Amino acid sequence: MPIINVRNSVATGASVNPLSGSQYEYLPFNALVEIGVTANVNLVLATVSSGSDILMEEGPVTLGTADVFPKYPDEYTLQDVAAAGDRLKVNIRNTNAGTAVIMTSVRITPI
């Protein structure tokens, strides 16, 4: 079961896609995908999709501790069954007045 853990530091008004360039950005097999995103400040928004499924549209992420990845299963708030070839996309936008530390974790279980 692959796990992707990504830490991003996002400046005010900036956006990032933490899965961009990952080996699993495009799934090589059918899978159950579980996603957790936390930020150390409030006002951080995420749009999350799995293939054509929109899992979260510009919604607030879970407030967490800087440099601590989301805890499984409590902070893995999104899940989907995805087909081989589907693109996993997590777009994060920081609307806070300060820089945010974003911790993204994705668990991929082949099915």
Protein backbone atom coordinates (compact mmCIF):
# COMPACT_ATOMS: atom_id res chain seq x y z
CA MET A 1 0.00 0.00 0.00
CA PRO A 2 1.67 3.23 -1.14
CA ILE A 3 1.60 6.27 1.13
CA ILE A 4 2.43 9.76 -0.12
CA ASN A 5 3.49 12.32 2.51
CA VAL A 6 4.19 15.88 1.37
CA ARG A 7 5.07 19.00 3.36
CA ASN A 8 4.56 22.39 1.71
CA SER A 9 5.20 25.90 2.94
CA VAL A 10 2.68 28.16 1.19
CA ALA A 11 2.96 31.95 1.21
CA THR A 12 -0.04 34.25 1.58
CA GLY A 13 -2.21 34.15 -1.53
CA ALA A 14 -0.23 31.33 -3.12
CA SER A 15 -1.45 27.91 -4.29
CA VAL A 16 0.24 24.51 -4.49
CA ASN A 17 -0.58 21.04 -5.80
CA PRO A 18 1.41 18.69 -3.52
CA LEU A 19 0.80 15.59 -5.67
CA SER A 20 2.10 17.16 -8.88
CA GLY A 21 4.90 15.02 -10.26
CA SER A 22 4.26 12.12 -7.88
CA GLN A 23 4.55 8.59 -9.25
CA TYR A 24 0.95 8.11 -8.09
CA GLU A 25 -0.50 11.37 -9.44
CA TYR A 26 -2.03 9.13 -12.13
CA LEU A 27 -3.06 5.85 -10.52
CA PRO A 28 -1.50 2.74 -12.10
CA PHE A 29 -4.26 0.49 -10.70
CA ASN A 30 -7.80 0.60 -9.26
CA ALA A 31 -7.56 1.75 -5.66
CA LEU A 32 -9.21 3.00 -2.50
CA VAL A 33 -7.74 6.47 -1.96
CA GLU A 34 -7.79 8.11 1.48
CA ILE A 35 -6.61 11.72 1.83
CA GLY A 36 -5.76 13.86 4.83
CA VAL A 37 -4.74 17.53 4.67
CA THR A 38 -3.83 19.67 7.68
CA ALA A 39 -2.46 23.19 8.08
CA ASN A 40 -0.87 24.96 11.02
CA VAL A 41 -3.04 28.09 10.46
CA ASN A 42 -6.68 28.68 9.62
CA LEU A 43 -8.04 30.06 6.32
CA VAL A 44 -6.30 27.43 4.19
CA LEU A 45 -8.60 26.05 1.48
CA ALA A 46 -8.39 22.88 -0.60
CA THR A 47 -10.01 21.54 -3.75
CA VAL A 48 -9.59 17.77 -4.05
CA SER A 49 -10.48 15.48 -6.95
CA SER A 50 -9.99 11.88 -7.92
CA GLY A 51 -10.47 11.49 -11.66
CA SER A 52 -13.82 13.13 -12.44
CA ASP A 53 -14.99 12.86 -8.81
CA ILE A 54 -14.85 16.15 -6.90
CA LEU A 55 -14.24 15.18 -3.27
CA MET A 56 -13.94 18.70 -1.87
CA GLU A 57 -14.52 22.04 -3.53
CA GLU A 58 -12.63 25.01 -2.06
CA GLY A 59 -13.22 23.95 1.54
CA PRO A 60 -11.24 24.55 4.72
CA VAL A 61 -8.60 22.00 5.68
CA THR A 62 -8.22 20.51 9.16
CA LEU A 63 -6.25 22.66 11.60
CA GLY A 64 -3.20 20.72 12.77
CA THR A 65 0.32 21.06 14.08
CA ALA A 66 3.19 22.19 11.86
CA ASP A 67 5.36 19.28 10.68
CA VAL A 68 2.93 16.61 11.94
CA PHE A 69 1.22 14.58 9.22
CA PRO A 70 -2.52 13.88 9.48
CA LYS A 71 -3.34 11.10 11.92
CA TYR A 72 -5.00 7.99 10.50
CA PRO A 73 -7.95 7.52 10.47
CA ASP A 74 -9.22 10.61 12.30
CA GLU A 75 -7.74 13.30 10.04
CA TYR A 76 -8.16 11.43 6.74
CA THR A 77 -11.43 13.16 5.92
CA LEU A 78 -11.69 12.26 2.21
CA GLN A 79 -11.89 8.90 0.47
CA ASP A 80 -12.82 7.58 -2.95
CA VAL A 81 -12.63 4.44 -5.04
CA ALA A 82 -10.59 5.44 -8.09
CA ALA A 83 -9.95 3.69 -11.38
CA ALA A 84 -6.57 3.04 -12.98
CA GLY A 85 -5.48 6.16 -14.86
CA ASP A 86 -7.46 8.57 -12.67
CA ARG A 87 -5.58 11.71 -11.65
CA LEU A 88 -5.33 12.55 -7.96
CA LYS A 89 -5.32 16.30 -7.49
CA VAL A 90 -5.10 18.31 -4.28
CA ASN A 91 -5.00 22.05 -4.92
CA ILE A 92 -4.30 24.10 -1.79
CA ARG A 93 -4.71 27.87 -1.49
CA ASN A 94 -3.52 29.94 1.47
CA THR A 95 -5.84 32.87 2.25
CA ASN A 96 -4.27 33.46 5.69
CA ALA A 97 -2.21 36.61 6.30
CA GLY A 98 0.88 34.50 7.07
CA THR A 99 2.76 31.59 5.55
CA ALA A 100 1.12 28.22 6.14
CA VAL A 101 2.71 24.80 6.59
CA ILE A 102 0.51 22.24 4.84
CA MET A 103 0.83 18.52 5.53
CA THR A 104 -0.76 16.21 2.94
CA SER A 105 -1.02 12.43 3.26
CA VAL A 106 -2.51 10.03 0.74
CA ARG A 107 -3.02 6.30 1.40
CA ILE A 108 -3.53 4.21 -1.73
CA THR A 109 -4.86 0.67 -1.31
CA PRO A 110 -5.00 -1.42 -4.51
CA ILE A 111 -8.34 -3.17 -5.09
